[in-house]
Structure formats: structure tokens, C-alpha cells
C-alpha atoms as a PDB file:
ATOM      1  CA  MET A   1     101.933  90.921 116.630  1.00  0.00           C
ATOM      2  CA  ALA A   2      97.720  90.680 116.405  1.00  0.00           C
ATOM      3  CA  GLY A   3      97.591  93.589 113.954  1.00  0.00           C
ATOM      4  CA  ASN A   4     100.465  91.253 111.728  1.00  0.00           C
ATOM      5  CA  ASN A   5      98.275  88.105 111.976  1.00  0.00           C
ATOM      6  CA  ARG A   6      94.984  90.325 111.018  1.00  0.00           C
ATOM      7  CA  ASN A   7      97.400  91.498 108.102  1.00  0.00           C
ATOM      8  CA  ILE A   8      98.218  87.818 107.082  1.00  0.00           C
ATOM      9  CA  LYS A   9      94.958  86.538 107.244  1.00  0.00           C
ATOM     10  CA  GLN A  10      93.643  89.434 104.975  1.00  0.00           C
ATOM     11  CA  VAL A  11      96.516  88.685 102.630  1.00  0.00           C
ATOM     12  CA  ARG A  12      95.577  84.930 102.240  1.00  0.00           C
ATOM     13  CA  ASP A  13      91.945  85.786 101.994  1.00  0.00           C
ATOM     14  CA  ILE A  14      93.223  88.137  99.007  1.00  0.00           C
ATOM     15  CA  PHE A  15      95.365  85.704  97.511  1.00  0.00           C
ATOM     16  CA  THR A  16      92.655  82.730  97.964  1.00  0.00           C
ATOM     17  CA  SER A  17      90.243  84.991  96.115  1.00  0.00           C
ATOM     18  CA  TYR A  18      92.691  85.493  93.381  1.00  0.00           C
ATOM     19  CA  LEU A  19      93.977  81.718  92.815  1.00  0.00           C
ATOM     20  CA  GLU A  20      89.840  80.983  92.806  1.00  0.00           C
ATOM     21  CA  GLY A  21      88.947  83.615  90.103  1.00  0.00           C
ATOM     22  CA  LYS A  22      91.924  82.194  87.957  1.00  0.00           C
ATOM     23  CA  THR A  23      91.068  78.572  88.795  1.00  0.00           C
ATOM     24  CA  LEU A  24      94.328  78.260  90.172  1.00  0.00           C
ATOM     25  CA  ARG A  25      95.353  75.259  92.593  1.00  0.00           C
ATOM     26  CA  LYS A  26      95.330  76.494  96.327  1.00  0.00           C
ATOM     27  CA  THR A  27      98.433  74.258  97.200  1.00  0.00           C
ATOM     28  CA  PRO A  28     100.354  74.546 100.632  1.00  0.00           C
ATOM     29  CA  GLU A  29     103.669  75.556  99.000  1.00  0.00           C
ATOM     30  CA  ARG A  30     101.910  78.589  97.553  1.00  0.00           C
ATOM     31  CA  TYR A  31     100.493  79.677 100.881  1.00  0.00           C
ATOM     32  CA  ALA A  32     103.845  78.700 102.828  1.00  0.00           C
ATOM     33  CA  ILE A  33     105.831  80.978 100.269  1.00  0.00           C
ATOM     34  CA  LEU A  34     102.976  83.795 100.997  1.00  0.00           C
ATOM     35  CA  ASP A  35     103.481  83.252 104.861  1.00  0.00           C
ATOM     36  CA  GLU A  36     107.517  83.424 104.502  1.00  0.00           C
ATOM     37  CA  ILE A  37     107.286  87.024 102.601  1.00  0.00           C
ATOM     38  CA  TYR A  38     104.812  88.356 105.141  1.00  0.00           C
ATOM     39  CA  SER A  39     106.579  87.267 108.131  1.00  0.00           C
ATOM     40  CA  GLU A  40     109.745  89.180 107.242  1.00  0.00           C
ATOM     41  CA  ASP A  41     110.844  92.740 106.431  1.00  0.00           C
ATOM     42  CA  GLY A  42     112.633  94.387 103.864  1.00  0.00           C
ATOM     43  CA  HIS A  43     113.573  93.503 100.144  1.00  0.00           C
ATOM     44  CA  PHE A  44     114.344  89.979  99.246  1.00  0.00           C
ATOM     45  CA  ASP A  45     115.383  87.974  95.745  1.00  0.00           C
ATOM     46  CA  VAL A  46     114.398  84.619  94.534  1.00  0.00           C
ATOM     47  CA  GLU A  47     117.342  82.781  96.042  1.00  0.00           C
ATOM     48  CA  SER A  48     117.249  84.406  99.312  1.00  0.00           C
ATOM     49  CA  LEU A  49     113.471  83.244  99.450  1.00  0.00           C
ATOM     50  CA  TYR A  50     114.239  79.682  98.079  1.00  0.00           C
ATOM     51  CA  LEU A  51     116.960  79.174 100.578  1.00  0.00           C
ATOM     52  CA  LYS A  52     114.852  80.624 103.667  1.00  0.00           C
ATOM     53  CA  MET A  53     112.230  78.005 102.405  1.00  0.00           C
ATOM     54  CA  LYS A  54     114.736  75.223 102.153  1.00  0.00           C
ATOM     55  CA  THR A  55     116.285  75.804 105.530  1.00  0.00           C
ATOM     56  CA  LYS A  56     112.768  75.513 107.007  1.00  0.00           C
ATOM     57  CA  ASN A  57     112.275  72.050 105.227  1.00  0.00           C
ATOM     58  CA  TYR A  58     109.418  73.038 103.012  1.00  0.00           C
ATOM     59  CA  GLN A  59     109.433  71.061  99.732  1.00  0.00           C
ATOM     60  CA  VAL A  60     109.483  73.744  97.265  1.00  0.00           C
ATOM     61  CA  SER A  61     111.680  73.915  94.025  1.00  0.00           C
ATOM     62  CA  ARG A  62     112.933  77.193  92.486  1.00  0.00           C
ATOM     63  CA  ALA A  63     110.310  77.004  90.029  1.00  0.00           C
ATOM     64  CA  THR A  64     107.629  76.973  92.354  1.00  0.00           C
ATOM     65  CA  VAL A  65     109.067  80.156  94.220  1.00  0.00           C
ATOM     66  CA  TYR A  66     109.301  81.917  90.913  1.00  0.00           C
ATOM     67  CA  ASN A  67     105.779  80.755  89.820  1.00  0.00           C
ATOM     68  CA  THR A  68     104.029  82.022  93.383  1.00  0.00           C
ATOM     69  CA  LEU A  69     105.897  85.025  93.135  1.00  0.00           C
ATOM     70  CA  ASP A  70     104.986  85.513  89.790  1.00  0.00           C
ATOM     71  CA  LEU A  71     101.218  85.258  91.254  1.00  0.00           C
ATOM     72  CA  LEU A  72     101.544  87.464  93.750  1.00  0.00           C
ATOM     73  CA  VAL A  73     102.917  90.181  91.689  1.00  0.00           C
ATOM     74  CA  ASP A  74      99.956  89.949  89.541  1.00  0.00           C
ATOM     75  CA  CYS A  75      97.679  90.013  92.457  1.00  0.00           C
ATOM     76  CA  ASP A  76      99.538  93.139  93.919  1.00  0.00           C
ATOM     77  CA  LEU A  77     100.512  91.497  97.114  1.00  0.00           C
ATOM     78  CA  VAL A  78     104.156  91.445  96.388  1.00  0.00           C
ATOM     79  CA  THR A  79     105.953  94.314  94.210  1.00  0.00           C
ATOM     80  CA  LYS A  80     109.132  93.470  92.027  1.00  0.00           C
ATOM     81  CA  HIS A  81     111.742  95.821  91.384  1.00  0.00           C
ATOM     82  CA  GLN A  82     114.321  95.816  88.914  1.00  0.00           C
ATOM     83  CA  PHE A  83     117.700  97.193  90.604  1.00  0.00           C
ATOM     84  CA  GLY A  84     119.859  97.327  87.472  1.00  0.00           C
ATOM     85  CA  LYS A  85     120.391  94.871  84.648  1.00  0.00           C
ATOM     86  CA  ASN A  86     120.564  91.867  86.990  1.00  0.00           C
ATOM     87  CA  LEU A  87     119.215  92.876  90.227  1.00  0.00           C
ATOM     88  CA  ALA A  88     115.539  91.895  90.833  1.00  0.00           C
ATOM     89  CA  GLN A  89     114.172  92.382  94.184  1.00  0.00           C
ATOM     90  CA  TYR A  90     110.710  91.928  95.849  1.00  0.00           C
ATOM     91  CA  GLU A  91     108.828  93.361  98.562  1.00  0.00           C
ATOM     92  CA  LYS A  92     105.439  92.670 100.378  1.00  0.00           C
ATOM     93  CA  SER A  93     103.127  95.645  99.155  1.00  0.00           C
ATOM     94  CA  TYR A  94      99.840  94.856 101.225  1.00  0.00           C
ATOM     95  CA  GLY A  95      99.290  97.434 103.486  1.00  0.00           C
ATOM     96  CA  PHE A  96     102.523  99.334 103.401  1.00  0.00           C
ATOM     97  CA  LYS A  97     102.989 102.984 102.542  1.00  0.00           C
ATOM     98  CA  GLN A  98     104.568 104.187  99.427  1.00  0.00           C
ATOM     99  CA  HIS A  99     108.221 105.036  99.443  1.00  0.00           C
ATOM    100  CA  ASP A 100     111.144 105.174  97.348  1.00  0.00           C
ATOM    101  CA  HIS A 101     114.434 103.487  96.855  1.00  0.00           C
ATOM    102  CA  LEU A 102     118.323 104.551  97.386  1.00  0.00           C
ATOM    103  CA  ILE A 103     120.462 101.712  95.954  1.00  0.00           C
ATOM    104  CA  CYS A 104     124.336 102.039  96.487  1.00  0.00           C
ATOM    105  CA  THR A 105     126.017 101.719  93.403  1.00  0.00           C
ATOM    106  CA  ASP A 106     128.915  99.623  95.120  1.00  0.00           C
ATOM    107  CA  CYS A 107     127.360  97.357  97.207  1.00  0.00           C
ATOM    108  CA  HIS A 108     123.748  97.072  95.938  1.00  0.00           C
ATOM    109  CA  LYS A 109     122.144  97.388  99.339  1.00  0.00           C
ATOM    110  CA  VAL A 110     118.831  99.246  98.916  1.00  0.00           C
ATOM    111  CA  MET A 111     117.351 101.463 101.179  1.00  0.00           C
ATOM    112  CA  GLU A 112     113.797 102.732 101.583  1.00  0.00           C
ATOM    113  CA  PHE A 113     112.967 106.769 102.103  1.00  0.00           C
ATOM    114  CA  CYS A 114     109.746 108.757 102.055  1.00  0.00           C
ATOM    115  CA  ASP A 115     109.715 112.161 100.946  1.00  0.00           C
ATOM    116  CA  PRO A 116     106.575 114.125 100.326  1.00  0.00           C
ATOM    117  CA  ARG A 117     108.089 116.107  97.773  1.00  0.00           C
ATOM    118  CA  ILE A 118     108.674 113.084  95.658  1.00  0.00           C
ATOM    119  CA  GLN A 119     105.247 111.994  95.901  1.00  0.00           C
ATOM    120  CA  ASN A 120     104.030 115.407  94.911  1.00  0.00           C
ATOM    121  CA  ILE A 121     106.108 115.184  91.656  1.00  0.00           C
ATOM    122  CA  GLN A 122     105.247 111.836  90.886  1.00  0.00           C
ATOM    123  CA  LYS A 123     101.256 112.945  91.421  1.00  0.00           C
ATOM    124  CA  LEU A 124     101.943 115.880  89.120  1.00  0.00           C
ATOM    125  CA  LEU A 125     103.643 113.609  86.422  1.00  0.00           C
ATOM    126  CA  ARG A 126     100.658 111.313  86.149  1.00  0.00           C
ATOM    127  CA  GLU A 127      98.272 114.323  85.967  1.00  0.00           C
END
């Protein structure tokens, strides 16, 4: 748990520096969304994140969730994946190892896996 708290502090510091650098407001709602994302594991979509925030009685709109996610993607704290035409999902990205995804074509469940052979192929392609 101590490592997780340290990660959240580092993530909050990165987000604060990003907001200050862009002269954007450091609102409690933005930090609450960041904290919620980094307190959970796995992939999520905008609607599930919005509903979690509402369930916990945060006063956030869908627009706030969308806008904050855009900021978090821009500062590399969250990664957005477009799984299919209408299946955008997100995941936290700070301090997590590189991995790939398998998506079930029936239920659309996303599974993570890591295979060094794929990493080597991707590295070769980049070069």
C-alpha cells in the first residue's frame, strides 16, 4: 500500500506540473478523477468512470470526465485505446509495464498479456 500511495503522490505531482505549465485550473474534481483512476486496476470507459464518481457523490459532469481524461492522456498519465469503432477504453499508464491486448470479438472483454517476442518485433519495426 505504501508503494501505491507513493505512486499516487508522483502522479498528482506530474498532473500539477502539467496543469501549471498549461495555465489550467487545479480543480478538486480533476484530482478526484485522477485518484479514482489510480485507485483501480484494469481498463475502463468514460461511462463506468462517470458512474463511479457519481456513486461516490462527486459533483462531476460527463463533460468534466471527458475533459479530464483528455488532459490525462495528453500528459501521459492515462492511455486511450480504440478497440473497434465504438469501443474506446482507457487505462492508467504511469509506472506500468508495456503490454498488449487481446479483445474477445463476442463479448468485447479486453485481456492484457506480455510476450517479449512482440516487444522485439515492435522494436524492430520502430528502427
